[in-house]
Amino acid sequence: MRRLYISIALILMLAALSGLHVWRLGGFTDELSAMLTQAQAQAEQENWEEAARLTRKVKDRWIDQEGYLHVTLRHTDIDAVLITLDETLAFLEGAEKQTAEYAASNARLITQLGLLVEAELPTLTNVF
């Protein structure tokens, strides 16, 4: 009977930790998405310096969390976000500002962040 209680306690602990991870990841990606949305608004107003500053801040926050992210997420997903961040920054920091390309890259980045959380949710699609 003792083994049963220990097994149940372990399963409950894993479920709680998984829920905590999804909650923390959701908050983190929501924060980054909000900053990227602000950067998009700045770019639309042709305030390229502020858009670049916000995007660099997103990249710095991403890099600060890479240890946690590499432990909890797939490395290909993490690398894809970092590559898209670099691409988005290149559109902002280039000599010729390409609004449409930047907007597409930024939208792809926001979508990638949303998909990270979606992939971690305990849905039937993700379990099977």
N, C-alpha and C. Protein backbone atom coordinates (compact mmCIF):
# COMPACT_ATOMS: atom_id res chain seq x y z
N MET A 1 0.81 -1.18 0.00
CA MET A 1 0.00 0.00 0.00
C MET A 1 0.87 1.26 0.00
N ARG A 2 2.01 1.15 0.68
CA ARG A 2 2.92 2.29 0.76
C ARG A 2 3.44 2.67 -0.63
N ARG A 3 3.73 1.68 -1.45
CA ARG A 3 4.21 1.94 -2.82
C ARG A 3 3.16 2.68 -3.64
N LEU A 4 1.91 2.34 -3.44
CA LEU A 4 0.82 3.00 -4.14
C LEU A 4 0.78 4.48 -3.78
N TYR A 5 0.89 4.80 -2.49
CA TYR A 5 0.87 6.20 -2.05
C TYR A 5 2.06 6.97 -2.60
N ILE A 6 3.21 6.34 -2.61
CA ILE A 6 4.41 6.99 -3.15
C ILE A 6 4.24 7.23 -4.65
N SER A 7 3.70 6.26 -5.36
CA SER A 7 3.46 6.41 -6.80
C SER A 7 2.48 7.54 -7.08
N ILE A 8 1.41 7.59 -6.32
CA ILE A 8 0.42 8.65 -6.50
C ILE A 8 1.04 10.01 -6.20
N ALA A 9 1.83 10.08 -5.14
CA ALA A 9 2.48 11.34 -4.78
C ALA A 9 3.44 11.79 -5.89
N LEU A 10 4.17 10.87 -6.47
CA LEU A 10 5.09 11.21 -7.56
C LEU A 10 4.34 11.69 -8.80
N ILE A 11 3.25 11.02 -9.12
CA ILE A 11 2.45 11.43 -10.28
C ILE A 11 1.87 12.83 -10.05
N LEU A 12 1.36 13.08 -8.86
CA LEU A 12 0.82 14.41 -8.55
C LEU A 12 1.91 15.48 -8.58
N MET A 13 3.10 15.14 -8.10
CA MET A 13 4.21 16.08 -8.13
C MET A 13 4.60 16.41 -9.57
N LEU A 14 4.68 15.40 -10.43
CA LEU A 14 5.02 15.62 -11.83
C LEU A 14 3.95 16.46 -12.53
N ALA A 15 2.69 16.19 -12.23
CA ALA A 15 1.61 16.98 -12.82
C ALA A 15 1.69 18.43 -12.37
N ALA A 16 1.99 18.66 -11.10
CA ALA A 16 2.11 20.02 -10.59
C ALA A 16 3.29 20.74 -11.21
N LEU A 17 4.41 20.06 -11.34
CA LEU A 17 5.59 20.67 -11.96
C LEU A 17 5.35 20.97 -13.44
N SER A 18 4.64 20.08 -14.12
CA SER A 18 4.31 20.33 -15.52
C SER A 18 3.40 21.55 -15.65
N GLY A 19 2.43 21.66 -14.77
CA GLY A 19 1.54 22.82 -14.78
C GLY A 19 2.29 24.10 -14.48
N LEU A 20 3.21 24.05 -13.54
CA LEU A 20 4.02 25.21 -13.20
C LEU A 20 4.88 25.63 -14.39
N HIS A 21 5.43 24.65 -15.08
CA HIS A 21 6.25 24.94 -16.27
C HIS A 21 5.43 25.62 -17.35
N VAL A 22 4.25 25.11 -17.64
CA VAL A 22 3.40 25.70 -18.67
C VAL A 22 2.99 27.12 -18.27
N TRP A 23 2.68 27.33 -17.00
CA TRP A 23 2.30 28.66 -16.51
C TRP A 23 3.48 29.63 -16.64
N ARG A 24 4.67 29.19 -16.25
CA ARG A 24 5.85 30.06 -16.32
C ARG A 24 6.22 30.36 -17.77
N LEU A 25 6.19 29.35 -18.62
CA LEU A 25 6.50 29.54 -20.03
C LEU A 25 5.49 30.46 -20.69
N GLY A 26 4.21 30.30 -20.33
CA GLY A 26 3.17 31.17 -20.88
C GLY A 26 3.38 32.63 -20.50
N GLY A 27 3.72 32.87 -19.25
CA GLY A 27 4.00 34.24 -18.81
C GLY A 27 5.21 34.83 -19.51
N PHE A 28 6.24 34.02 -19.66
CA PHE A 28 7.47 34.48 -20.31
C PHE A 28 7.23 34.81 -21.78
N THR A 29 6.57 33.91 -22.49
CA THR A 29 6.32 34.16 -23.91
C THR A 29 5.33 35.29 -24.13
N ASP A 30 4.36 35.44 -23.23
CA ASP A 30 3.42 36.57 -23.33
C ASP A 30 4.15 37.90 -23.16
N GLU A 31 5.10 37.93 -22.22
CA GLU A 31 5.90 39.14 -22.01
C GLU A 31 6.70 39.49 -23.27
N LEU A 32 7.34 38.48 -23.85
CA LEU A 32 8.13 38.71 -25.06
C LEU A 32 7.25 39.12 -26.23
N SER A 33 6.11 38.48 -26.37
CA SER A 33 5.18 38.82 -27.45
C SER A 33 4.68 40.25 -27.32
N ALA A 34 4.42 40.68 -26.09
CA ALA A 34 3.97 42.06 -25.87
C ALA A 34 5.05 43.05 -26.29
N MET A 35 6.30 42.76 -25.95
CA MET A 35 7.40 43.65 -26.36
C MET A 35 7.55 43.68 -27.87
N LEU A 36 7.37 42.52 -28.52
CA LEU A 36 7.48 42.47 -29.98
C LEU A 36 6.32 43.22 -30.64
N THR A 37 5.16 43.17 -30.03
CA THR A 37 4.01 43.92 -30.55
C THR A 37 4.27 45.43 -30.42
N GLN A 38 4.87 45.83 -29.31
CA GLN A 38 5.26 47.23 -29.14
C GLN A 38 6.30 47.63 -30.18
N ALA A 39 7.25 46.74 -30.43
CA ALA A 39 8.28 47.02 -31.44
C ALA A 39 7.64 47.19 -32.82
N GLN A 40 6.64 46.38 -33.12
CA GLN A 40 5.93 46.49 -34.40
C GLN A 40 5.25 47.84 -34.51
N ALA A 41 4.62 48.27 -33.42
CA ALA A 41 3.95 49.58 -33.42
C ALA A 41 4.96 50.70 -33.63
N GLN A 42 6.12 50.58 -33.02
CA GLN A 42 7.17 51.59 -33.20
C GLN A 42 7.67 51.61 -34.64
N ALA A 43 7.81 50.44 -35.23
CA ALA A 43 8.27 50.37 -36.62
C ALA A 43 7.24 50.98 -37.56
N GLU A 44 5.97 50.77 -37.28
CA GLU A 44 4.92 51.36 -38.11
C GLU A 44 4.94 52.88 -38.05
N GLN A 45 5.42 53.42 -36.91
CA GLN A 45 5.56 54.87 -36.77
C GLN A 45 6.94 55.34 -37.23
N GLU A 46 7.69 54.42 -37.81
CA GLU A 46 9.05 54.66 -38.31
C GLU A 46 10.01 55.09 -37.22
N ASN A 47 9.78 54.61 -36.03
CA ASN A 47 10.70 54.80 -34.92
C ASN A 47 11.56 53.54 -34.83
N TRP A 48 12.47 53.41 -35.77
CA TRP A 48 13.25 52.18 -35.95
C TRP A 48 14.18 51.91 -34.78
N GLU A 49 14.71 52.96 -34.17
CA GLU A 49 15.64 52.76 -33.05
C GLU A 49 14.94 52.12 -31.86
N GLU A 50 13.74 52.61 -31.56
CA GLU A 50 12.99 52.04 -30.44
C GLU A 50 12.54 50.61 -30.75
N ALA A 51 12.15 50.36 -31.98
CA ALA A 51 11.77 48.99 -32.37
C ALA A 51 12.96 48.05 -32.22
N ALA A 52 14.13 48.50 -32.63
CA ALA A 52 15.34 47.68 -32.50
C ALA A 52 15.69 47.47 -31.03
N ARG A 53 15.56 48.52 -30.21
CA ARG A 53 15.85 48.39 -28.78
C ARG A 53 14.94 47.37 -28.12
N LEU A 54 13.66 47.43 -28.42
CA LEU A 54 12.71 46.47 -27.85
C LEU A 54 13.02 45.05 -28.30
N THR A 55 13.36 44.89 -29.56
CA THR A 55 13.66 43.55 -30.08
C THR A 55 14.96 43.02 -29.48
N ARG A 56 15.95 43.88 -29.31
CA ARG A 56 17.19 43.45 -28.64
C ARG A 56 16.91 43.04 -27.20
N LYS A 57 16.00 43.77 -26.55
CA LYS A 57 15.61 43.43 -25.18
C LYS A 57 14.97 42.05 -25.14
N VAL A 58 14.13 41.74 -26.12
CA VAL A 58 13.53 40.41 -26.22
C VAL A 58 14.62 39.35 -26.39
N LYS A 59 15.58 39.63 -27.25
CA LYS A 59 16.67 38.67 -27.48
C LYS A 59 17.48 38.47 -26.20
N ASP A 60 17.77 39.55 -25.49
CA ASP A 60 18.51 39.43 -24.23
C ASP A 60 17.75 38.60 -23.21
N ARG A 61 16.44 38.84 -23.10
CA ARG A 61 15.62 38.05 -22.17
C ARG A 61 15.61 36.58 -22.57
N TRP A 62 15.54 36.32 -23.88
CA TRP A 62 15.55 34.95 -24.38
C TRP A 62 16.86 34.26 -24.01
N ILE A 63 17.96 34.94 -24.26
CA ILE A 63 19.28 34.37 -23.97
C ILE A 63 19.46 34.15 -22.47
N ASP A 64 18.94 35.08 -21.65
CA ASP A 64 19.02 34.92 -20.19
C ASP A 64 18.32 33.65 -19.72
N GLN A 65 17.29 33.23 -20.41
CA GLN A 65 16.49 32.06 -20.01
C GLN A 65 16.88 30.79 -20.75
N GLU A 66 17.94 30.83 -21.56
CA GLU A 66 18.28 29.66 -22.38
C GLU A 66 18.57 28.41 -21.56
N GLY A 67 19.17 28.54 -20.40
CA GLY A 67 19.42 27.36 -19.57
C GLY A 67 18.13 26.64 -19.23
N TYR A 68 17.15 27.39 -18.74
CA TYR A 68 15.84 26.81 -18.42
C TYR A 68 15.17 26.26 -19.66
N LEU A 69 15.24 27.03 -20.75
CA LEU A 69 14.56 26.61 -21.98
C LEU A 69 15.17 25.34 -22.55
N HIS A 70 16.49 25.20 -22.49
CA HIS A 70 17.13 24.00 -23.03
C HIS A 70 16.82 22.76 -22.20
N VAL A 71 16.52 22.95 -20.93
CA VAL A 71 16.16 21.81 -20.09
C VAL A 71 14.72 21.38 -20.34
N THR A 72 13.85 22.34 -20.66
CA THR A 72 12.42 22.04 -20.72
C THR A 72 11.83 21.93 -22.12
N LEU A 73 12.50 22.47 -23.13
CA LEU A 73 11.94 22.47 -24.48
C LEU A 73 12.87 21.78 -25.47
N ARG A 74 12.34 21.53 -26.66
CA ARG A 74 13.16 20.94 -27.72
C ARG A 74 14.16 21.97 -28.22
N HIS A 75 15.39 21.52 -28.43
CA HIS A 75 16.46 22.43 -28.86
C HIS A 75 16.17 23.05 -30.22
N THR A 76 15.54 22.31 -31.11
CA THR A 76 15.25 22.86 -32.44
C THR A 76 14.28 24.03 -32.35
N ASP A 77 13.32 23.95 -31.42
CA ASP A 77 12.37 25.06 -31.24
C ASP A 77 13.07 26.29 -30.68
N ILE A 78 13.96 26.08 -29.73
CA ILE A 78 14.71 27.19 -29.13
C ILE A 78 15.59 27.86 -30.17
N ASP A 79 16.28 27.04 -30.96
CA ASP A 79 17.16 27.58 -32.00
C ASP A 79 16.37 28.31 -33.07
N ALA A 80 15.19 27.81 -33.41
CA ALA A 80 14.37 28.46 -34.43
C ALA A 80 13.95 29.86 -33.98
N VAL A 81 13.60 30.00 -32.71
CA VAL A 81 13.23 31.32 -32.19
C VAL A 81 14.43 32.26 -32.23
N LEU A 82 15.59 31.75 -31.84
CA LEU A 82 16.79 32.60 -31.85
C LEU A 82 17.16 33.03 -33.26
N ILE A 83 17.03 32.13 -34.22
CA ILE A 83 17.32 32.47 -35.62
C ILE A 83 16.34 33.54 -36.12
N THR A 84 15.06 33.39 -35.80
CA THR A 84 14.07 34.37 -36.23
C THR A 84 14.30 35.71 -35.53
N LEU A 85 14.73 35.68 -34.28
CA LEU A 85 15.07 36.93 -33.58
C LEU A 85 16.21 37.65 -34.31
N ASP A 86 17.24 36.91 -34.70
CA ASP A 86 18.36 37.51 -35.42
C ASP A 86 17.90 38.07 -36.77
N GLU A 87 17.03 37.34 -37.44
CA GLU A 87 16.51 37.80 -38.73
C GLU A 87 15.70 39.08 -38.56
N THR A 88 14.87 39.12 -37.53
CA THR A 88 14.05 40.30 -37.26
C THR A 88 14.93 41.50 -36.93
N LEU A 89 15.96 41.28 -36.13
CA LEU A 89 16.89 42.37 -35.81
C LEU A 89 17.62 42.85 -37.06
N ALA A 90 17.96 41.96 -37.96
CA ALA A 90 18.65 42.35 -39.18
C ALA A 90 17.78 43.29 -40.01
N PHE A 91 16.49 43.05 -40.06
CA PHE A 91 15.59 43.95 -40.80
C PHE A 91 15.53 45.32 -40.14
N LEU A 92 15.66 45.35 -38.80
CA LEU A 92 15.59 46.62 -38.09
C LEU A 92 16.89 47.41 -38.16
N GLU A 93 18.00 46.69 -38.18
CA GLU A 93 19.30 47.35 -38.10
C GLU A 93 19.94 47.58 -39.46
N GLY A 94 19.32 47.09 -40.51
CA GLY A 94 19.87 47.27 -41.85
C GLY A 94 19.77 48.72 -42.30
N ALA A 95 20.57 49.07 -43.28
CA ALA A 95 20.58 50.45 -43.78
C ALA A 95 19.25 50.78 -44.47
N GLU A 96 18.72 49.82 -45.20
CA GLU A 96 17.45 50.02 -45.89
C GLU A 96 16.35 49.36 -45.09
N LYS A 97 15.45 50.15 -44.55
CA LYS A 97 14.37 49.62 -43.72
C LYS A 97 13.30 49.00 -44.60
N GLN A 98 13.03 47.73 -44.38
CA GLN A 98 12.05 46.99 -45.16
C GLN A 98 10.86 46.65 -44.26
N THR A 99 9.89 47.52 -44.28
CA THR A 99 8.76 47.41 -43.35
C THR A 99 8.00 46.11 -43.50
N ALA A 100 7.70 45.71 -44.72
CA ALA A 100 6.90 44.50 -44.94
C ALA A 100 7.66 43.26 -44.50
N GLU A 101 8.93 43.18 -44.83
CA GLU A 101 9.73 42.01 -44.44
C GLU A 101 9.88 41.94 -42.93
N TYR A 102 10.10 43.11 -42.31
CA TYR A 102 10.20 43.15 -40.86
C TYR A 102 8.89 42.69 -40.22
N ALA A 103 7.77 43.19 -40.70
CA ALA A 103 6.47 42.83 -40.14
C ALA A 103 6.23 41.32 -40.26
N ALA A 104 6.60 40.74 -41.39
CA ALA A 104 6.41 39.30 -41.58
C ALA A 104 7.31 38.51 -40.63
N SER A 105 8.54 38.94 -40.48
CA SER A 105 9.47 38.25 -39.58
C SER A 105 9.02 38.38 -38.13
N ASN A 106 8.57 39.54 -37.75
CA ASN A 106 8.09 39.78 -36.39
C ASN A 106 6.84 38.94 -36.11
N ALA A 107 5.94 38.87 -37.06
CA ALA A 107 4.72 38.06 -36.89
C ALA A 107 5.08 36.58 -36.76
N ARG A 108 6.05 36.12 -37.54
CA ARG A 108 6.51 34.73 -37.45
C ARG A 108 7.09 34.46 -36.06
N LEU A 109 7.84 35.41 -35.54
CA LEU A 109 8.44 35.27 -34.22
C LEU A 109 7.38 35.18 -33.12
N ILE A 110 6.38 36.03 -33.20
CA ILE A 110 5.29 36.00 -32.21
C ILE A 110 4.54 34.67 -32.29
N THR A 111 4.34 34.18 -33.50
CA THR A 111 3.67 32.89 -33.68
C THR A 111 4.51 31.75 -33.10
N GLN A 112 5.81 31.78 -33.33
CA GLN A 112 6.69 30.75 -32.79
C GLN A 112 6.63 30.72 -31.26
N LEU A 113 6.60 31.89 -30.65
CA LEU A 113 6.51 31.95 -29.19
C LEU A 113 5.19 31.35 -28.71
N GLY A 114 4.11 31.65 -29.39
CA GLY A 114 2.82 31.07 -29.03
C GLY A 114 2.78 29.56 -29.19
N LEU A 115 3.44 29.07 -30.23
CA LEU A 115 3.46 27.63 -30.47
C LEU A 115 4.28 26.88 -29.42
N LEU A 116 5.26 27.55 -28.82
CA LEU A 116 6.03 26.90 -27.76
C LEU A 116 5.13 26.50 -26.61
N VAL A 117 4.26 27.40 -26.21
CA VAL A 117 3.35 27.12 -25.10
C VAL A 117 2.33 26.08 -25.52
N GLU A 118 1.80 26.22 -26.72
CA GLU A 118 0.80 25.27 -27.21
C GLU A 118 1.34 23.85 -27.24
N ALA A 119 2.61 23.70 -27.58
CA ALA A 119 3.21 22.37 -27.65
C ALA A 119 3.38 21.75 -26.27
N GLU A 120 3.40 22.56 -25.23
CA GLU A 120 3.58 22.06 -23.87
C GLU A 120 2.28 21.74 -23.15
N LEU A 121 1.16 22.17 -23.72
CA LEU A 121 -0.13 21.93 -23.07
C LEU A 121 -0.50 20.45 -23.14
N PRO A 122 -1.11 19.93 -22.08
CA PRO A 122 -1.49 18.51 -22.07
C PRO A 122 -2.79 18.26 -22.82
N THR A 123 -2.73 18.35 -24.14
CA THR A 123 -3.89 18.09 -24.99
C THR A 123 -3.77 16.70 -25.61
N LEU A 124 -4.85 16.20 -26.15
CA LEU A 124 -4.80 14.89 -26.79
C LEU A 124 -3.82 14.87 -27.95
N THR A 125 -3.76 15.95 -28.69
CA THR A 125 -2.84 16.03 -29.82
C THR A 125 -1.40 15.90 -29.34
N ASN A 126 -1.05 16.52 -28.24
CA ASN A 126 0.32 16.48 -27.75
C ASN A 126 0.66 15.18 -27.03
N VAL A 127 -0.33 14.53 -26.45
CA VAL A 127 -0.07 13.31 -25.71
C VAL A 127 0.08 12.11 -26.65
N PHE A 128 -0.72 12.09 -27.71
CA PHE A 128 -0.67 10.92 -28.59
C PHE A 128 0.00 11.20 -29.87
